[in-house]
Amino acid sequence: MKRPGPISLVVIVLALGVVGLLIYGVAAGGDDSSLDAAVQKGEQPVAPGADVALPLLDGKGALSLDELRGKIVVVNFWASWCEPCAEEAPILVRAQKDLRREGDGTVVGVTYKDFADESRAFARRNGLNYPSVRDDKLDLAPLFGTTKLPETFVVDPRGRVVAIGRGQLTGRFLEGAIARARAQG
């Protein structure tokens, strides 16, 4: 039986090291799914970061989820460079019209690591009719486990998460989520 040469041994050790790092990365660096798991089980966890006040994109003050307690809040994380964010914008605009007409809630956009001027241009270009706040320093997104865009969380009037949409929204998903939030109010 032939023994592996020094080069073969190095290749084997390196391959084992890479496999070990991959296993560690998958185990330690996965998406934060604690909110997701709770909502999937039918629980309604309290929305994280309710006391985090972020500056409004229009520069006129700040806004926190605590200030919106008693209303349905559709929290949508977006950025100007996100194509699916632009594609789902009309759904959020329609939801804002419905929530405003019913007087029971609002959509709140949260810009994710985006330049203010580019975010404002995106808002104008897509006709956003709801307030957006800037999360440049990521004070809020990590609390929701947000790492990819777009992501949407529907919060009921009691401040509890009733639905989560990770990825581009559909109108059907958002209508159902808002109906669930209304049923909790």
C-alpha atoms as a PDB file:
ATOM      1  CA  MET A   1       0.000   0.000   0.000  1.00  0.00           C
ATOM      2  CA  LYS A   2       1.366   3.342  -1.042  1.00  0.00           C
ATOM      3  CA  ARG A   3       1.516   6.186   1.546  1.00  0.00           C
ATOM      4  CA  PRO A   4       0.274   9.617   0.476  1.00  0.00           C
ATOM      5  CA  GLY A   5       3.017  12.027  -0.441  1.00  0.00           C
ATOM      6  CA  PRO A   6       3.518  15.365   1.342  1.00  0.00           C
ATOM      7  CA  ILE A   7       1.518  17.268  -1.291  1.00  0.00           C
ATOM      8  CA  SER A   8      -1.427  14.857  -1.038  1.00  0.00           C
ATOM      9  CA  LEU A   9      -1.391  15.186   2.747  1.00  0.00           C
ATOM     10  CA  VAL A  10      -1.483  18.993   2.517  1.00  0.00           C
ATOM     11  CA  VAL A  11      -4.419  18.842   0.086  1.00  0.00           C
ATOM     12  CA  ILE A  12      -6.331  16.500   2.424  1.00  0.00           C
ATOM     13  CA  VAL A  13      -5.719  18.737   5.463  1.00  0.00           C
ATOM     14  CA  LEU A  14      -6.777  21.854   3.541  1.00  0.00           C
ATOM     15  CA  ALA A  15      -9.907  20.125   2.246  1.00  0.00           C
ATOM     16  CA  LEU A  16     -10.875  19.069   5.773  1.00  0.00           C
ATOM     17  CA  GLY A  17     -10.288  22.617   6.971  1.00  0.00           C
ATOM     18  CA  VAL A  18     -12.543  24.057   4.272  1.00  0.00           C
ATOM     19  CA  VAL A  19     -15.278  21.525   5.087  1.00  0.00           C
ATOM     20  CA  GLY A  20     -14.985  22.430   8.774  1.00  0.00           C
ATOM     21  CA  LEU A  21     -15.304  26.145   8.015  1.00  0.00           C
ATOM     22  CA  LEU A  22     -18.350  25.531   5.830  1.00  0.00           C
ATOM     23  CA  ILE A  23     -20.062  23.540   8.568  1.00  0.00           C
ATOM     24  CA  TYR A  24     -19.245  26.240  11.124  1.00  0.00           C
ATOM     25  CA  GLY A  25     -20.500  28.997   8.786  1.00  0.00           C
ATOM     26  CA  VAL A  26     -23.820  27.262   8.153  1.00  0.00           C
ATOM     27  CA  ALA A  27     -24.349  26.524  11.853  1.00  0.00           C
ATOM     28  CA  ALA A  28     -23.268  29.919  13.207  1.00  0.00           C
ATOM     29  CA  GLY A  29     -24.102  32.322  10.410  1.00  0.00           C
ATOM     30  CA  GLY A  30     -27.608  31.360   9.342  1.00  0.00           C
ATOM     31  CA  ASP A  31     -30.469  33.818   9.136  1.00  0.00           C
ATOM     32  CA  ASP A  32     -31.995  34.967  12.407  1.00  0.00           C
ATOM     33  CA  SER A  33     -35.245  33.062  12.294  1.00  0.00           C
ATOM     34  CA  SER A  34     -36.473  33.463  15.867  1.00  0.00           C
ATOM     35  CA  LEU A  35     -39.294  35.810  14.791  1.00  0.00           C
ATOM     36  CA  ASP A  36     -40.051  33.567  11.835  1.00  0.00           C
ATOM     37  CA  ALA A  37     -40.232  30.437  13.972  1.00  0.00           C
ATOM     38  CA  ALA A  38     -42.557  32.088  16.495  1.00  0.00           C
ATOM     39  CA  VAL A  39     -44.916  33.419  13.809  1.00  0.00           C
ATOM     40  CA  GLN A  40     -44.939  30.052  12.004  1.00  0.00           C
ATOM     41  CA  LYS A  41     -46.007  28.406  15.279  1.00  0.00           C
ATOM     42  CA  GLY A  42     -48.933  30.827  15.476  1.00  0.00           C
ATOM     43  CA  GLU A  43     -47.339  32.942  18.174  1.00  0.00           C
ATOM     44  CA  GLN A  44     -47.356  36.704  17.930  1.00  0.00           C
ATOM     45  CA  PRO A  45     -44.060  37.985  19.323  1.00  0.00           C
ATOM     46  CA  VAL A  46     -43.694  41.609  20.330  1.00  0.00           C
ATOM     47  CA  ALA A  47     -42.151  43.629  17.515  1.00  0.00           C
ATOM     48  CA  PRO A  48     -38.498  44.244  18.374  1.00  0.00           C
ATOM     49  CA  GLY A  49     -37.022  47.718  18.568  1.00  0.00           C
ATOM     50  CA  ALA A  50     -40.313  49.508  19.174  1.00  0.00           C
ATOM     51  CA  ASP A  51     -38.470  52.217  21.088  1.00  0.00           C
ATOM     52  CA  VAL A  52     -35.865  52.788  18.349  1.00  0.00           C
ATOM     53  CA  ALA A  53     -36.575  56.215  16.837  1.00  0.00           C
ATOM     54  CA  LEU A  54     -35.089  56.678  13.379  1.00  0.00           C
ATOM     55  CA  PRO A  55     -34.883  59.889  11.341  1.00  0.00           C
ATOM     56  CA  LEU A  56     -37.593  60.372   8.743  1.00  0.00           C
ATOM     57  CA  LEU A  57     -36.353  60.281   5.169  1.00  0.00           C
ATOM     58  CA  ASP A  58     -37.893  63.699   4.518  1.00  0.00           C
ATOM     59  CA  GLY A  59     -35.762  65.148   7.352  1.00  0.00           C
ATOM     60  CA  LYS A  60     -38.774  66.276   9.407  1.00  0.00           C
ATOM     61  CA  GLY A  61     -38.230  64.514  12.724  1.00  0.00           C
ATOM     62  CA  ALA A  62     -38.042  60.891  13.748  1.00  0.00           C
ATOM     63  CA  LEU A  63     -40.439  57.961  14.128  1.00  0.00           C
ATOM     64  CA  SER A  64     -40.588  54.814  16.250  1.00  0.00           C
ATOM     65  CA  LEU A  65     -42.997  51.884  16.362  1.00  0.00           C
ATOM     66  CA  ASP A  66     -43.969  52.917  19.910  1.00  0.00           C
ATOM     67  CA  GLU A  67     -45.497  56.080  18.449  1.00  0.00           C
ATOM     68  CA  LEU A  68     -47.727  53.945  16.232  1.00  0.00           C
ATOM     69  CA  ARG A  69     -49.046  51.630  18.965  1.00  0.00           C
ATOM     70  CA  GLY A  70     -52.773  51.090  18.511  1.00  0.00           C
ATOM     71  CA  LYS A  71     -52.439  50.982  14.718  1.00  0.00           C
ATOM     72  CA  ILE A  72     -51.558  48.291  12.213  1.00  0.00           C
ATOM     73  CA  VAL A  73     -48.029  48.903  10.953  1.00  0.00           C
ATOM     74  CA  VAL A  74     -46.572  47.338   7.822  1.00  0.00           C
ATOM     75  CA  VAL A  75     -42.801  47.630   8.298  1.00  0.00           C
ATOM     76  CA  ASN A  76     -40.993  47.299   4.972  1.00  0.00           C
ATOM     77  CA  PHE A  77     -37.183  47.246   4.752  1.00  0.00           C
ATOM     78  CA  TRP A  78     -35.983  48.530   1.358  1.00  0.00           C
ATOM     79  CA  ALA A  79     -33.152  50.272  -0.482  1.00  0.00           C
ATOM     80  CA  SER A  80     -32.872  52.283  -3.676  1.00  0.00           C
ATOM     81  CA  TRP A  81     -30.562  49.679  -5.241  1.00  0.00           C
ATOM     82  CA  CYS A  82     -33.020  46.805  -4.643  1.00  0.00           C
ATOM     83  CA  GLU A  83     -34.941  45.864  -7.813  1.00  0.00           C
ATOM     84  CA  PRO A  84     -37.523  43.663  -6.018  1.00  0.00           C
ATOM     85  CA  CYS A  85     -38.162  46.628  -3.683  1.00  0.00           C
ATOM     86  CA  ALA A  86     -39.176  48.738  -6.687  1.00  0.00           C
ATOM     87  CA  GLU A  87     -41.314  45.913  -8.066  1.00  0.00           C
ATOM     88  CA  GLU A  88     -43.274  45.547  -4.810  1.00  0.00           C
ATOM     89  CA  ALA A  89     -43.689  49.308  -4.234  1.00  0.00           C
ATOM     90  CA  PRO A  90     -47.144  49.486  -5.919  1.00  0.00           C
ATOM     91  CA  ILE A  91     -48.446  46.827  -3.502  1.00  0.00           C
ATOM     92  CA  LEU A  92     -47.291  48.884  -0.527  1.00  0.00           C
ATOM     93  CA  VAL A  93     -48.731  52.084  -2.021  1.00  0.00           C
ATOM     94  CA  ARG A  94     -52.140  50.346  -2.357  1.00  0.00           C
ATOM     95  CA  ALA A  95     -51.879  49.022   1.201  1.00  0.00           C
ATOM     96  CA  GLN A  96     -51.171  52.526   2.488  1.00  0.00           C
ATOM     97  CA  LYS A  97     -54.263  53.867   0.674  1.00  0.00           C
ATOM     98  CA  ASP A  98     -56.390  51.114   2.246  1.00  0.00           C
ATOM     99  CA  LEU A  99     -54.957  51.606   5.738  1.00  0.00           C
ATOM    100  CA  ARG A 100     -55.409  55.381   5.505  1.00  0.00           C
ATOM    101  CA  ARG A 101     -58.990  55.018   4.181  1.00  0.00           C
ATOM    102  CA  GLU A 102     -59.873  52.660   7.042  1.00  0.00           C
ATOM    103  CA  GLY A 103     -57.975  54.861   9.511  1.00  0.00           C
ATOM    104  CA  ASP A 104     -56.405  51.872  11.222  1.00  0.00           C
ATOM    105  CA  GLY A 105     -52.753  51.831  10.229  1.00  0.00           C
ATOM    106  CA  THR A 106     -49.833  52.797   8.047  1.00  0.00           C
ATOM    107  CA  VAL A 107     -46.975  51.429   6.034  1.00  0.00           C
ATOM    108  CA  VAL A 108     -43.539  52.486   7.290  1.00  0.00           C
ATOM    109  CA  GLY A 109     -40.581  52.085   4.979  1.00  0.00           C
ATOM    110  CA  VAL A 110     -37.175  51.532   6.523  1.00  0.00           C
ATOM    111  CA  THR A 111     -34.215  52.248   4.271  1.00  0.00           C
ATOM    112  CA  TYR A 112     -31.434  49.730   4.685  1.00  0.00           C
ATOM    113  CA  LYS A 113     -27.848  51.003   4.366  1.00  0.00           C
ATOM    114  CA  ASP A 114     -28.798  53.481   1.660  1.00  0.00           C
ATOM    115  CA  PHE A 115     -27.754  57.039   0.811  1.00  0.00           C
ATOM    116  CA  ALA A 116     -30.480  59.549   1.731  1.00  0.00           C
ATOM    117  CA  ASP A 117     -30.502  61.281  -1.673  1.00  0.00           C
ATOM    118  CA  GLU A 118     -30.835  57.967  -3.498  1.00  0.00           C
ATOM    119  CA  SER A 119     -33.579  56.840  -1.099  1.00  0.00           C
ATOM    120  CA  ARG A 120     -35.517  60.076  -1.660  1.00  0.00           C
ATOM    121  CA  ALA A 121     -35.177  59.651  -5.438  1.00  0.00           C
ATOM    122  CA  PHE A 122     -36.468  56.063  -5.154  1.00  0.00           C
ATOM    123  CA  ALA A 123     -39.436  57.255  -3.064  1.00  0.00           C
ATOM    124  CA  ARG A 124     -40.336  59.910  -5.678  1.00  0.00           C
ATOM    125  CA  ARG A 125     -39.802  57.575  -8.634  1.00  0.00           C
ATOM    126  CA  ASN A 126     -42.031  54.881  -7.090  1.00  0.00           C
ATOM    127  CA  GLY A 127     -44.691  57.242  -5.707  1.00  0.00           C
ATOM    128  CA  LEU A 128     -44.268  56.130  -2.093  1.00  0.00           C
ATOM    129  CA  ASN A 129     -47.193  57.601  -0.160  1.00  0.00           C
ATOM    130  CA  TYR A 130     -46.081  56.455   3.268  1.00  0.00           C
ATOM    131  CA  PRO A 131     -43.372  57.600   5.674  1.00  0.00           C
ATOM    132  CA  SER A 132     -39.906  56.115   5.462  1.00  0.00           C
ATOM    133  CA  VAL A 133     -37.163  56.240   8.047  1.00  0.00           C
ATOM    134  CA  ARG A 134     -33.430  55.877   7.583  1.00  0.00           C
ATOM    135  CA  ASP A 135     -31.626  52.926   9.194  1.00  0.00           C
ATOM    136  CA  ASP A 136     -28.120  53.885   8.033  1.00  0.00           C
ATOM    137  CA  LYS A 137     -26.451  52.582  11.190  1.00  0.00           C
ATOM    138  CA  LEU A 138     -28.570  49.421  11.289  1.00  0.00           C
ATOM    139  CA  ASP A 139     -30.194  50.217  14.618  1.00  0.00           C
ATOM    140  CA  LEU A 140     -33.440  48.433  13.687  1.00  0.00           C
ATOM    141  CA  ALA A 141     -32.893  45.917  10.871  1.00  0.00           C
ATOM    142  CA  PRO A 142     -30.776  43.441  12.884  1.00  0.00           C
ATOM    143  CA  LEU A 143     -33.445  43.342  15.608  1.00  0.00           C
ATOM    144  CA  PHE A 144     -35.851  41.966  12.978  1.00  0.00           C
ATOM    145  CA  GLY A 145     -33.182  39.598  11.628  1.00  0.00           C
ATOM    146  CA  THR A 146     -33.156  41.526   8.359  1.00  0.00           C
ATOM    147  CA  THR A 147     -30.136  40.815   6.197  1.00  0.00           C
ATOM    148  CA  LYS A 148     -31.639  40.615   2.694  1.00  0.00           C
ATOM    149  CA  LEU A 149     -34.081  42.870   0.893  1.00  0.00           C
ATOM    150  CA  PRO A 150     -36.926  43.379   0.671  1.00  0.00           C
ATOM    151  CA  GLU A 151     -38.410  42.184   3.955  1.00  0.00           C
ATOM    152  CA  THR A 152     -41.809  43.057   5.415  1.00  0.00           C
ATOM    153  CA  PHE A 153     -43.304  42.632   8.875  1.00  0.00           C
ATOM    154  CA  VAL A 154     -46.956  43.235   9.720  1.00  0.00           C
ATOM    155  CA  VAL A 155     -47.515  44.421  13.273  1.00  0.00           C
ATOM    156  CA  ASP A 156     -50.963  44.416  14.875  1.00  0.00           C
ATOM    157  CA  PRO A 157     -52.352  47.289  16.988  1.00  0.00           C
ATOM    158  CA  ARG A 158     -50.975  45.641  20.156  1.00  0.00           C
ATOM    159  CA  GLY A 159     -47.438  45.827  18.757  1.00  0.00           C
ATOM    160  CA  ARG A 160     -47.135  42.126  17.919  1.00  0.00           C
ATOM    161  CA  VAL A 161     -45.768  40.619  14.691  1.00  0.00           C
ATOM    162  CA  VAL A 162     -48.531  38.679  12.941  1.00  0.00           C
ATOM    163  CA  ALA A 163     -46.885  38.060   9.551  1.00  0.00           C
ATOM    164  CA  ILE A 164     -43.437  38.094   7.974  1.00  0.00           C
ATOM    165  CA  GLY A 165     -42.568  38.323   4.308  1.00  0.00           C
ATOM    166  CA  ARG A 166     -38.918  37.723   3.530  1.00  0.00           C
ATOM    167  CA  GLY A 167     -38.455  38.522  -0.117  1.00  0.00           C
ATOM    168  CA  GLN A 168     -40.645  40.312  -2.628  1.00  0.00           C
ATOM    169  CA  LEU A 169     -44.251  40.770  -1.509  1.00  0.00           C
ATOM    170  CA  THR A 170     -47.378  39.649  -3.241  1.00  0.00           C
ATOM    171  CA  GLY A 171     -50.641  41.513  -2.892  1.00  0.00           C
ATOM    172  CA  ARG A 172     -52.330  38.343  -1.663  1.00  0.00           C
ATOM    173  CA  PHE A 173     -49.814  37.897   1.167  1.00  0.00           C
ATOM    174  CA  LEU A 174     -50.100  41.508   2.314  1.00  0.00           C
ATOM    175  CA  GLU A 175     -53.911  41.585   2.160  1.00  0.00           C
ATOM    176  CA  GLY A 176     -54.086  38.417   4.277  1.00  0.00           C
ATOM    177  CA  ALA A 177     -51.527  39.719   6.757  1.00  0.00           C
ATOM    178  CA  ILE A 178     -53.376  43.020   7.196  1.00  0.00           C
ATOM    179  CA  ALA A 179     -56.648  41.097   7.683  1.00  0.00           C
ATOM    180  CA  ARG A 180     -54.940  39.042  10.454  1.00  0.00           C
ATOM    181  CA  ALA A 181     -53.706  42.238  12.083  1.00  0.00           C
ATOM    182  CA  ARG A 182     -57.205  43.754  11.919  1.00  0.00           C
ATOM    183  CA  ALA A 183     -58.658  40.648  13.555  1.00  0.00           C
ATOM    184  CA  GLN A 184     -56.224  41.132  16.481  1.00  0.00           C
ATOM    185  CA  GLY A 185     -57.155  44.803  16.950  1.00  0.00           C
END
